[in-house]
């Protein structure tokens, strides 16, 4: 009985994890960009500008913060879904 219970509890809902990671990553990029814009300074977001190498259309601007929100959400969704998928595969192999 305990073996059946541990097998059910150990599985992760990959779609829910993907959604949560999408929200966290998307808001993370958006808030980092917005914080730097509000903070201001002589060289705003010198390191964050490097994201434009990977995220086409991204810049440290208000428009770029929304582009970063989309890209961050997409990357977060993919990472969360892959973590859930790989974790569930390992749990499935372990309980065979």
PDB file of N, CA and C in Angstrom:
ATOM      1  N   UNK A   1       0.820  -1.193   0.000  1.00  0.00           N
ATOM      2  CA  UNK A   1       0.000   0.000   0.000  1.00  0.00           C
ATOM      3  C   UNK A   1       0.868   1.262   0.000  1.00  0.00           C
ATOM      4  N   UNK A   2       1.915   1.280   0.811  1.00  0.00           N
ATOM      5  CA  UNK A   2       2.782   2.454   0.865  1.00  0.00           C
ATOM      6  C   UNK A   2       3.506   2.669  -0.455  1.00  0.00           C
ATOM      7  N   UNK A   3       3.819   1.582  -1.152  1.00  0.00           N
ATOM      8  CA  UNK A   3       4.508   1.702  -2.434  1.00  0.00           C
ATOM      9  C   UNK A   3       3.618   2.393  -3.467  1.00  0.00           C
ATOM     10  N   UNK A   4       2.336   2.066  -3.503  1.00  0.00           N
ATOM     11  CA  UNK A   4       1.408   2.722  -4.425  1.00  0.00           C
ATOM     12  C   UNK A   4       1.253   4.200  -4.086  1.00  0.00           C
ATOM     13  N   UNK A   5       1.198   4.508  -2.808  1.00  0.00           N
ATOM     14  CA  UNK A   5       1.031   5.885  -2.382  1.00  0.00           C
ATOM     15  C   UNK A   5       2.263   6.717  -2.736  1.00  0.00           C
ATOM     16  N   UNK A   6       3.446   6.179  -2.503  1.00  0.00           N
ATOM     17  CA  UNK A   6       4.665   6.935  -2.813  1.00  0.00           C
ATOM     18  C   UNK A   6       4.816   7.130  -4.322  1.00  0.00           C
ATOM     19  N   UNK A   7       4.329   6.195  -5.115  1.00  0.00           N
ATOM     20  CA  UNK A   7       4.401   6.340  -6.567  1.00  0.00           C
ATOM     21  C   UNK A   7       3.482   7.465  -7.045  1.00  0.00           C
ATOM     22  N   UNK A   8       2.310   7.585  -6.479  1.00  0.00           N
ATOM     23  CA  UNK A   8       1.374   8.644  -6.864  1.00  0.00           C
ATOM     24  C   UNK A   8       1.846  10.011  -6.393  1.00  0.00           C
ATOM     25  N   UNK A   9       2.407  10.091  -5.213  1.00  0.00           N
ATOM     26  CA  UNK A   9       2.828  11.355  -4.645  1.00  0.00           C
ATOM     27  C   UNK A   9       4.082  11.870  -5.344  1.00  0.00           C
ATOM     28  N   UNK A  10       4.937  10.982  -5.818  1.00  0.00           N
ATOM     29  CA  UNK A  10       6.222  11.379  -6.363  1.00  0.00           C
ATOM     30  C   UNK A  10       6.122  12.032  -7.740  1.00  0.00           C
ATOM     31  N   UNK A  11       5.042  11.821  -8.460  1.00  0.00           N
ATOM     32  CA  UNK A  11       4.917  12.411  -9.800  1.00  0.00           C
ATOM     33  C   UNK A  11       4.686  13.913  -9.715  1.00  0.00           C
ATOM     34  N   UNK A  12       5.224  14.634 -10.678  1.00  0.00           N
ATOM     35  CA  UNK A  12       5.059  16.082 -10.776  1.00  0.00           C
ATOM     36  C   UNK A  12       4.143  16.375 -11.955  1.00  0.00           C
ATOM     37  N   UNK A  13       3.263  17.344 -11.800  1.00  0.00           N
ATOM     38  CA  UNK A  13       2.446  17.799 -12.918  1.00  0.00           C
ATOM     39  C   UNK A  13       3.306  18.739 -13.757  1.00  0.00           C
ATOM     40  N   UNK A  14       3.814  18.252 -14.876  1.00  0.00           N
ATOM     41  CA  UNK A  14       4.765  19.008 -15.689  1.00  0.00           C
ATOM     42  C   UNK A  14       4.155  20.304 -16.227  1.00  0.00           C
ATOM     43  N   UNK A  15       2.881  20.280 -16.570  1.00  0.00           N
ATOM     44  CA  UNK A  15       2.253  21.495 -17.108  1.00  0.00           C
ATOM     45  C   UNK A  15       2.122  22.584 -16.040  1.00  0.00           C
ATOM     46  N   UNK A  16       1.829  22.185 -14.819  1.00  0.00           N
ATOM     47  CA  UNK A  16       1.711  23.161 -13.735  1.00  0.00           C
ATOM     48  C   UNK A  16       3.083  23.726 -13.393  1.00  0.00           C
ATOM     49  N   UNK A  17       4.094  22.865 -13.329  1.00  0.00           N
ATOM     50  CA  UNK A  17       5.459  23.338 -13.086  1.00  0.00           C
ATOM     51  C   UNK A  17       5.903  24.273 -14.200  1.00  0.00           C
ATOM     52  N   UNK A  18       5.561  23.949 -15.433  1.00  0.00           N
ATOM     53  CA  UNK A  18       5.911  24.799 -16.575  1.00  0.00           C
ATOM     54  C   UNK A  18       5.246  26.165 -16.444  1.00  0.00           C
ATOM     55  N   UNK A  19       3.989  26.201 -16.051  1.00  0.00           N
ATOM     56  CA  UNK A  19       3.286  27.468 -15.879  1.00  0.00           C
ATOM     57  C   UNK A  19       3.918  28.317 -14.782  1.00  0.00           C
ATOM     58  N   UNK A  20       4.221  27.687 -13.653  1.00  0.00           N
ATOM     59  CA  UNK A  20       4.827  28.418 -12.533  1.00  0.00           C
ATOM     60  C   UNK A  20       6.190  28.968 -12.930  1.00  0.00           C
ATOM     61  N   UNK A  21       7.004  28.168 -13.607  1.00  0.00           N
ATOM     62  CA  UNK A  21       8.325  28.633 -14.048  1.00  0.00           C
ATOM     63  C   UNK A  21       8.191  29.749 -15.079  1.00  0.00           C
ATOM     64  N   UNK A  22       7.187  29.669 -15.939  1.00  0.00           N
ATOM     65  CA  UNK A  22       6.961  30.728 -16.929  1.00  0.00           C
ATOM     66  C   UNK A  22       6.630  32.047 -16.240  1.00  0.00           C
ATOM     67  N   UNK A  23       5.784  31.998 -15.229  1.00  0.00           N
ATOM     68  CA  UNK A  23       5.420  33.210 -14.501  1.00  0.00           C
ATOM     69  C   UNK A  23       6.635  33.780 -13.769  1.00  0.00           C
ATOM     70  N   UNK A  24       7.385  32.921 -13.099  1.00  0.00           N
ATOM     71  CA  UNK A  24       8.553  33.383 -12.336  1.00  0.00           C
ATOM     72  C   UNK A  24       9.610  33.983 -13.259  1.00  0.00           C
ATOM     73  N   UNK A  25       9.951  33.289 -14.323  1.00  0.00           N
ATOM     74  CA  UNK A  25      11.005  33.779 -15.224  1.00  0.00           C
ATOM     75  C   UNK A  25      10.565  35.022 -15.994  1.00  0.00           C
ATOM     76  N   UNK A  26       9.344  35.019 -16.484  1.00  0.00           N
ATOM     77  CA  UNK A  26       8.842  36.174 -17.221  1.00  0.00           C
ATOM     78  C   UNK A  26       8.779  37.421 -16.356  1.00  0.00           C
ATOM     79  N   UNK A  27       8.208  37.282 -15.169  1.00  0.00           N
ATOM     80  CA  UNK A  27       8.138  38.426 -14.262  1.00  0.00           C
ATOM     81  C   UNK A  27       9.528  38.833 -13.772  1.00  0.00           C
ATOM     82  N   UNK A  28      10.407  37.853 -13.633  1.00  0.00           N
ATOM     83  CA  UNK A  28      11.764  38.162 -13.208  1.00  0.00           C
ATOM     84  C   UNK A  28      12.476  39.084 -14.183  1.00  0.00           C
ATOM     85  N   UNK A  29      12.428  38.756 -15.465  1.00  0.00           N
ATOM     86  CA  UNK A  29      13.068  39.598 -16.478  1.00  0.00           C
ATOM     87  C   UNK A  29      12.378  40.961 -16.557  1.00  0.00           C
ATOM     88  N   UNK A  30      11.050  40.958 -16.506  1.00  0.00           N
ATOM     89  CA  UNK A  30      10.305  42.210 -16.564  1.00  0.00           C
ATOM     90  C   UNK A  30      10.654  43.114 -15.388  1.00  0.00           C
ATOM     91  N   UNK A  31      10.632  42.568 -14.181  1.00  0.00           N
ATOM     92  CA  UNK A  31      10.892  43.372 -12.992  1.00  0.00           C
ATOM     93  C   UNK A  31      12.340  43.844 -12.914  1.00  0.00           C
ATOM     94  N   UNK A  32      13.284  43.008 -13.354  1.00  0.00           N
ATOM     95  CA  UNK A  32      14.681  43.455 -13.363  1.00  0.00           C
ATOM     96  C   UNK A  32      14.864  44.640 -14.303  1.00  0.00           C
ATOM     97  N   UNK A  33      14.253  44.551 -15.477  1.00  0.00           N
ATOM     98  CA  UNK A  33      14.364  45.645 -16.444  1.00  0.00           C
ATOM     99  C   UNK A  33      13.663  46.897 -15.924  1.00  0.00           C
ATOM    100  N   UNK A  34      12.458  46.740 -15.385  1.00  0.00           N
ATOM    101  CA  UNK A  34      11.709  47.887 -14.868  1.00  0.00           C
ATOM    102  C   UNK A  34      12.457  48.538 -13.704  1.00  0.00           C
ATOM    103  N   UNK A  35      13.041  47.724 -12.834  1.00  0.00           N
ATOM    104  CA  UNK A  35      13.784  48.262 -11.699  1.00  0.00           C
ATOM    105  C   UNK A  35      14.961  49.117 -12.179  1.00  0.00           C
ATOM    106  N   UNK A  36      15.685  48.635 -13.160  1.00  0.00           N
ATOM    107  CA  UNK A  36      16.822  49.403 -13.674  1.00  0.00           C
ATOM    108  C   UNK A  36      16.369  50.692 -14.344  1.00  0.00           C
ATOM    109  N   UNK A  37      15.246  50.654 -15.026  1.00  0.00           N
ATOM    110  CA  UNK A  37      14.733  51.866 -15.673  1.00  0.00           C
ATOM    111  C   UNK A  37      14.286  52.899 -14.640  1.00  0.00           C
ATOM    112  N   UNK A  38      13.644  52.447 -13.584  1.00  0.00           N
ATOM    113  CA  UNK A  38      13.192  53.361 -12.541  1.00  0.00           C
ATOM    114  C   UNK A  38      14.393  53.920 -11.774  1.00  0.00           C
ATOM    115  N   UNK A  39      15.368  53.048 -11.494  1.00  0.00           N
ATOM    116  CA  UNK A  39      16.561  53.457 -10.755  1.00  0.00           C
ATOM    117  C   UNK A  39      17.376  54.483 -11.536  1.00  0.00           C
ATOM    118  N   UNK A  40      17.497  54.266 -12.826  1.00  0.00           N
ATOM    119  CA  UNK A  40      18.228  55.195 -13.682  1.00  0.00           C
ATOM    120  C   UNK A  40      19.730  55.132 -13.433  1.00  0.00           C
ATOM    121  N   UNK A  41      20.431  56.132 -13.913  1.00  0.00           N
ATOM    122  CA  UNK A  41      21.870  56.198 -13.728  1.00  0.00           C
ATOM    123  C   UNK A  41      22.574  56.433 -15.050  1.00  0.00           C
ATOM    124  N   UNK A  42      23.898  56.597 -15.001  1.00  0.00           N
ATOM    125  CA  UNK A  42      24.638  56.908 -16.226  1.00  0.00           C
ATOM    126  C   UNK A  42      24.721  55.741 -17.214  1.00  0.00           C
ATOM    127  N   UNK A  43      24.814  54.521 -16.719  1.00  0.00           N
ATOM    128  CA  UNK A  43      24.944  53.356 -17.598  1.00  0.00           C
ATOM    129  C   UNK A  43      23.909  52.321 -17.163  1.00  0.00           C
ATOM    130  N   UNK A  44      22.681  52.525 -17.567  1.00  0.00           N
ATOM    131  CA  UNK A  44      21.573  51.687 -17.095  1.00  0.00           C
ATOM    132  C   UNK A  44      21.632  50.307 -17.740  1.00  0.00           C
ATOM    133  N   UNK A  45      21.695  49.277 -16.911  1.00  0.00           N
ATOM    134  CA  UNK A  45      21.580  47.898 -17.372  1.00  0.00           C
ATOM    135  C   UNK A  45      22.672  47.417 -18.289  1.00  0.00           C
ATOM    136  N   UNK A  46      23.923  47.730 -17.983  1.00  0.00           N
ATOM    137  CA  UNK A  46      25.026  47.307 -18.847  1.00  0.00           C
ATOM    138  C   UNK A  46      25.084  45.783 -18.976  1.00  0.00           C
ATOM    139  N   UNK A  47      24.855  45.081 -17.880  1.00  0.00           N
ATOM    140  CA  UNK A  47      24.901  43.619 -17.931  1.00  0.00           C
ATOM    141  C   UNK A  47      23.618  43.021 -18.490  1.00  0.00           C
ATOM    142  N   UNK A  48      22.497  43.640 -18.175  1.00  0.00           N
ATOM    143  CA  UNK A  48      21.211  43.123 -18.652  1.00  0.00           C
ATOM    144  C   UNK A  48      21.061  43.304 -20.160  1.00  0.00           C
ATOM    145  N   UNK A  49      21.770  44.261 -20.732  1.00  0.00           N
ATOM    146  CA  UNK A  49      21.736  44.464 -22.183  1.00  0.00           C
ATOM    147  C   UNK A  49      22.249  43.246 -22.940  1.00  0.00           C
ATOM    148  N   UNK A  50      23.047  42.425 -22.260  1.00  0.00           N
ATOM    149  CA  UNK A  50      23.583  41.228 -22.906  1.00  0.00           C
ATOM    150  C   UNK A  50      22.491  40.228 -23.283  1.00  0.00           C
ATOM    151  N   UNK A  51      21.322  40.324 -22.653  1.00  0.00           N
ATOM    152  CA  UNK A  51      20.212  39.444 -23.027  1.00  0.00           C
ATOM    153  C   UNK A  51      19.778  39.651 -24.468  1.00  0.00           C
ATOM    154  N   UNK A  52      20.069  40.820 -25.017  1.00  0.00           N
ATOM    155  CA  UNK A  52      19.688  41.075 -26.414  1.00  0.00           C
ATOM    156  C   UNK A  52      20.452  40.175 -27.378  1.00  0.00           C
ATOM    157  N   UNK A  53      21.540  39.556 -26.910  1.00  0.00           N
ATOM    158  CA  UNK A  53      22.264  38.594 -27.742  1.00  0.00           C
ATOM    159  C   UNK A  53      21.441  37.325 -27.965  1.00  0.00           C
ATOM    160  N   UNK A  54      20.559  37.022 -27.004  1.00  0.00           N
ATOM    161  CA  UNK A  54      19.735  35.809 -27.075  1.00  0.00           C
ATOM    162  C   UNK A  54      18.277  36.118 -27.369  1.00  0.00           C
ATOM    163  N   UNK A  55      17.772  37.230 -26.847  1.00  0.00           N
ATOM    164  CA  UNK A  55      16.378  37.607 -27.009  1.00  0.00           C
ATOM    165  C   UNK A  55      16.291  38.687 -28.079  1.00  0.00           C
ATOM    166  N   UNK A  56      15.888  38.317 -29.267  1.00  0.00           N
ATOM    167  CA  UNK A  56      15.796  39.265 -30.374  1.00  0.00           C
ATOM    168  C   UNK A  56      14.736  40.317 -30.047  1.00  0.00           C
ATOM    169  N   UNK A  57      15.111  41.576 -30.151  1.00  0.00           N
ATOM    170  CA  UNK A  57      14.198  42.667 -29.874  1.00  0.00           C
ATOM    171  C   UNK A  57      14.253  43.180 -28.450  1.00  0.00           C
ATOM    172  N   UNK A  58      15.010  42.524 -27.581  1.00  0.00           N
ATOM    173  CA  UNK A  58      15.100  42.952 -26.191  1.00  0.00           C
ATOM    174  C   UNK A  58      16.076  44.119 -26.058  1.00  0.00           C
ATOM    175  N   UNK A  59      15.725  45.052 -25.209  1.00  0.00           N
ATOM    176  CA  UNK A  59      16.619  46.143 -24.826  1.00  0.00           C
ATOM    177  C   UNK A  59      16.210  46.593 -23.435  1.00  0.00           C
ATOM    178  N   UNK A  60      17.068  47.344 -22.778  1.00  0.00           N
ATOM    179  CA  UNK A  60      16.723  47.864 -21.458  1.00  0.00           C
ATOM    180  C   UNK A  60      15.893  49.127 -21.668  1.00  0.00           C
ATOM    181  N   UNK A  61      14.614  48.905 -21.944  1.00  0.00           N
ATOM    182  CA  UNK A  61      13.641  49.973 -22.151  1.00  0.00           C
ATOM    183  C   UNK A  61      12.283  49.414 -21.736  1.00  0.00           C
ATOM    184  N   UNK A  62      11.277  50.284 -21.731  1.00  0.00           N
ATOM    185  CA  UNK A  62       9.945  49.799 -21.351  1.00  0.00           C
ATOM    186  C   UNK A  62       9.405  48.809 -22.376  1.00  0.00           C
ATOM    187  N   UNK A  63       9.657  49.057 -23.646  1.00  0.00           N
ATOM    188  CA  UNK A  63       9.248  48.086 -24.676  1.00  0.00           C
ATOM    189  C   UNK A  63      10.022  46.783 -24.506  1.00  0.00           C
ATOM    190  N   UNK A  64      11.313  46.919 -24.245  1.00  0.00           N
ATOM    191  CA  UNK A  64      12.150  45.742 -24.037  1.00  0.00           C
ATOM    192  C   UNK A  64      11.748  44.934 -22.821  1.00  0.00           C
ATOM    193  N   UNK A  65      11.193  45.590 -21.806  1.00  0.00           N
ATOM    194  CA  UNK A  65      10.761  44.844 -20.622  1.00  0.00           C
ATOM    195  C   UNK A  65       9.608  43.908 -20.956  1.00  0.00           C
ATOM    196  N   UNK A  66       8.722  44.332 -21.862  1.00  0.00           N
ATOM    197  CA  UNK A  66       7.622  43.453 -22.273  1.00  0.00           C
ATOM    198  C   UNK A  66       8.114  42.348 -23.205  1.00  0.00           C
ATOM    199  N   UNK A  67       9.103  42.667 -24.040  1.00  0.00           N
ATOM    200  CA  UNK A  67       9.722  41.624 -24.872  1.00  0.00           C
ATOM    201  C   UNK A  67      10.409  40.607 -23.966  1.00  0.00           C
ATOM    202  N   UNK A  68      11.100  41.086 -22.936  1.00  0.00           N
ATOM    203  CA  UNK A  68      11.745  40.200 -21.970  1.00  0.00           C
ATOM    204  C   UNK A  68      10.744  39.352 -21.204  1.00  0.00           C
ATOM    205  N   UNK A  69       9.578  39.932 -20.918  1.00  0.00           N
ATOM    206  CA  UNK A  69       8.513  39.177 -20.257  1.00  0.00           C
ATOM    207  C   UNK A  69       8.094  37.986 -21.114  1.00  0.00           C
ATOM    208  N   UNK A  70       7.938  38.215 -22.412  1.00  0.00           N
ATOM    209  CA  UNK A  70       7.541  37.121 -23.318  1.00  0.00           C
ATOM    210  C   UNK A  70       8.628  36.062 -23.433  1.00  0.00           C
ATOM    211  N   UNK A  71       9.857  36.509 -23.658  1.00  0.00           N
ATOM    212  CA  UNK A  71      10.955  35.549 -23.777  1.00  0.00           C
ATOM    213  C   UNK A  71      11.192  34.803 -22.469  1.00  0.00           C
ATOM    214  N   UNK A  72      11.169  35.513 -21.353  1.00  0.00           N
ATOM    215  CA  UNK A  72      11.353  34.871 -20.058  1.00  0.00           C
ATOM    216  C   UNK A  72      10.279  33.837 -19.790  1.00  0.00           C
ATOM    217  N   UNK A  73       9.040  34.162 -20.154  1.00  0.00           N
ATOM    218  CA  UNK A  73       7.947  33.209 -19.976  1.00  0.00           C
ATOM    219  C   UNK A  73       8.138  31.972 -20.850  1.00  0.00           C
ATOM    220  N   UNK A  74       8.553  32.187 -22.080  1.00  0.00           N
ATOM    221  CA  UNK A  74       8.781  31.061 -22.982  1.00  0.00           C
ATOM    222  C   UNK A  74       9.903  30.155 -22.471  1.00  0.00           C
ATOM    223  N   UNK A  75      11.016  30.753 -22.088  1.00  0.00           N
ATOM    224  CA  UNK A  75      12.144  29.969 -21.577  1.00  0.00           C
ATOM    225  C   UNK A  75      11.756  29.270 -20.278  1.00  0.00           C
ATOM    226  N   UNK A  76      11.047  29.979 -19.396  1.00  0.00           N
ATOM    227  CA  UNK A  76      10.599  29.376 -18.144  1.00  0.00           C
ATOM    228  C   UNK A  76       9.662  28.207 -18.370  1.00  0.00           C
ATOM    229  N   UNK A  77       8.755  28.352 -19.340  1.00  0.00           N
ATOM    230  CA  UNK A  77       7.827  27.257 -19.656  1.00  0.00           C
ATOM    231  C   UNK A  77       8.601  26.024 -20.136  1.00  0.00           C
ATOM    232  N   UNK A  78       9.536  26.227 -21.023  1.00  0.00           N
ATOM    233  CA  UNK A  78      10.311  25.101 -21.563  1.00  0.00           C
ATOM    234  C   UNK A  78      11.111  24.427 -20.460  1.00  0.00           C
ATOM    235  N   UNK A  79      11.789  25.221 -19.627  1.00  0.00           N
ATOM    236  CA  UNK A  79      12.597  24.651 -18.553  1.00  0.00           C
ATOM    237  C   UNK A  79      11.726  23.905 -17.555  1.00  0.00           C
ATOM    238  N   UNK A  80      10.613  24.495 -17.139  1.00  0.00           N
ATOM    239  CA  UNK A  80       9.717  23.836 -16.192  1.00  0.00           C
ATOM    240  C   UNK A  80       9.143  22.547 -16.738  1.00  0.00           C
ATOM    241  N   UNK A  81       8.746  22.568 -18.000  1.00  0.00           N
ATOM    242  CA  UNK A  81       8.180  21.370 -18.614  1.00  0.00           C
ATOM    243  C   UNK A  81       9.239  20.267 -18.718  1.00  0.00           C
ATOM    244  N   UNK A  82      10.455  20.636 -19.099  1.00  0.00           N
ATOM    245  CA  UNK A  82      11.525  19.643 -19.206  1.00  0.00           C
ATOM    246  C   UNK A  82      11.897  19.062 -17.844  1.00  0.00           C
ATOM    247  N   UNK A  83      11.941  19.896 -16.820  1.00  0.00           N
ATOM    248  CA  UNK A  83      12.236  19.389 -15.477  1.00  0.00           C
ATOM    249  C   UNK A  83      11.167  18.398 -15.051  1.00  0.00           C
ATOM    250  N   UNK A  84       9.901  18.750 -15.242  1.00  0.00           N
ATOM    251  CA  UNK A  84       8.811  17.840 -14.893  1.00  0.00           C
ATOM    252  C   UNK A  84       8.854  16.551 -15.686  1.00  0.00           C
ATOM    253  N   UNK A  85       9.130  16.659 -16.973  1.00  0.00           N
ATOM    254  CA  UNK A  85       9.189  15.475 -17.831  1.00  0.00           C
ATOM    255  C   UNK A  85      10.332  14.552 -17.420  1.00  0.00           C
ATOM    256  N   UNK A  86      11.514  15.115 -17.231  1.00  0.00           N
ATOM    257  CA  UNK A  86      12.676  14.301 -16.857  1.00  0.00           C
ATOM    258  C   UNK A  86      12.475  13.695 -15.473  1.00  0.00           C
ATOM    259  N   UNK A  87      11.963  14.482 -14.534  1.00  0.00           N
ATOM    260  CA  UNK A  87      11.717  13.976 -13.189  1.00  0.00           C
ATOM    261  C   UNK A  87      10.732  12.808 -13.214  1.00  0.00           C
ATOM    262  N   UNK A  88       9.642  12.961 -13.965  1.00  0.00           N
ATOM    263  CA  UNK A  88       8.650  11.887 -14.046  1.00  0.00           C
ATOM    264  C   UNK A  88       9.209  10.642 -14.717  1.00  0.00           C
ATOM    265  N   UNK A  89      10.088  10.821 -15.689  1.00  0.00           N
ATOM    266  CA  UNK A  89      10.730   9.657 -16.323  1.00  0.00           C
ATOM    267  C   UNK A  89      11.610   8.913 -15.329  1.00  0.00           C
ATOM    268  N   UNK A  90      12.352   9.663 -14.525  1.00  0.00           N
ATOM    269  CA  UNK A  90      13.218   9.037 -13.514  1.00  0.00           C
ATOM    270  C   UNK A  90      12.388   8.310 -12.464  1.00  0.00           C
ATOM    271  N   UNK A  91      11.292   8.931 -12.037  1.00  0.00           N
ATOM    272  CA  UNK A  91      10.404   8.282 -11.062  1.00  0.00           C
ATOM    273  C   UNK A  91       9.801   7.023 -11.668  1.00  0.00           C
ATOM    274  N   UNK A  92       9.414   7.078 -12.928  1.00  0.00           N
ATOM    275  CA  UNK A  92       8.847   5.898 -13.590  1.00  0.00           C
ATOM    276  C   UNK A  92       9.838   4.753 -13.685  1.00  0.00           C
ATOM    277  N   UNK A  93      11.078   5.075 -13.999  1.00  0.00           N
ATOM    278  CA  UNK A  93      12.122   4.043 -14.070  1.00  0.00           C
ATOM    279  C   UNK A  93      12.402   3.472 -12.685  1.00  0.00           C
ATOM    280  N   UNK A  94      12.416   4.322 -11.697  1.00  0.00           N
ATOM    281  CA  UNK A  94      12.735   3.909 -10.331  1.00  0.00           C
ATOM    282  C   UNK A  94      11.672   2.980  -9.749  1.00  0.00           C
ATOM    283  N   UNK A  95      10.419   3.178 -10.135  1.00  0.00           N
ATOM    284  CA  UNK A  95       9.327   2.383  -9.555  1.00  0.00           C
ATOM    285  C   UNK A  95       8.951   1.165 -10.398  1.00  0.00           C
ATOM    286  N   UNK A  96       9.734   0.851 -11.381  1.00  0.00           N
ATOM    287  CA  UNK A  96       9.425  -0.355 -12.174  1.00  0.00           C
ATOM    288  C   UNK A  96       9.891  -1.595 -11.483  1.00  0.00           C
TER     289      UNK A  96
END
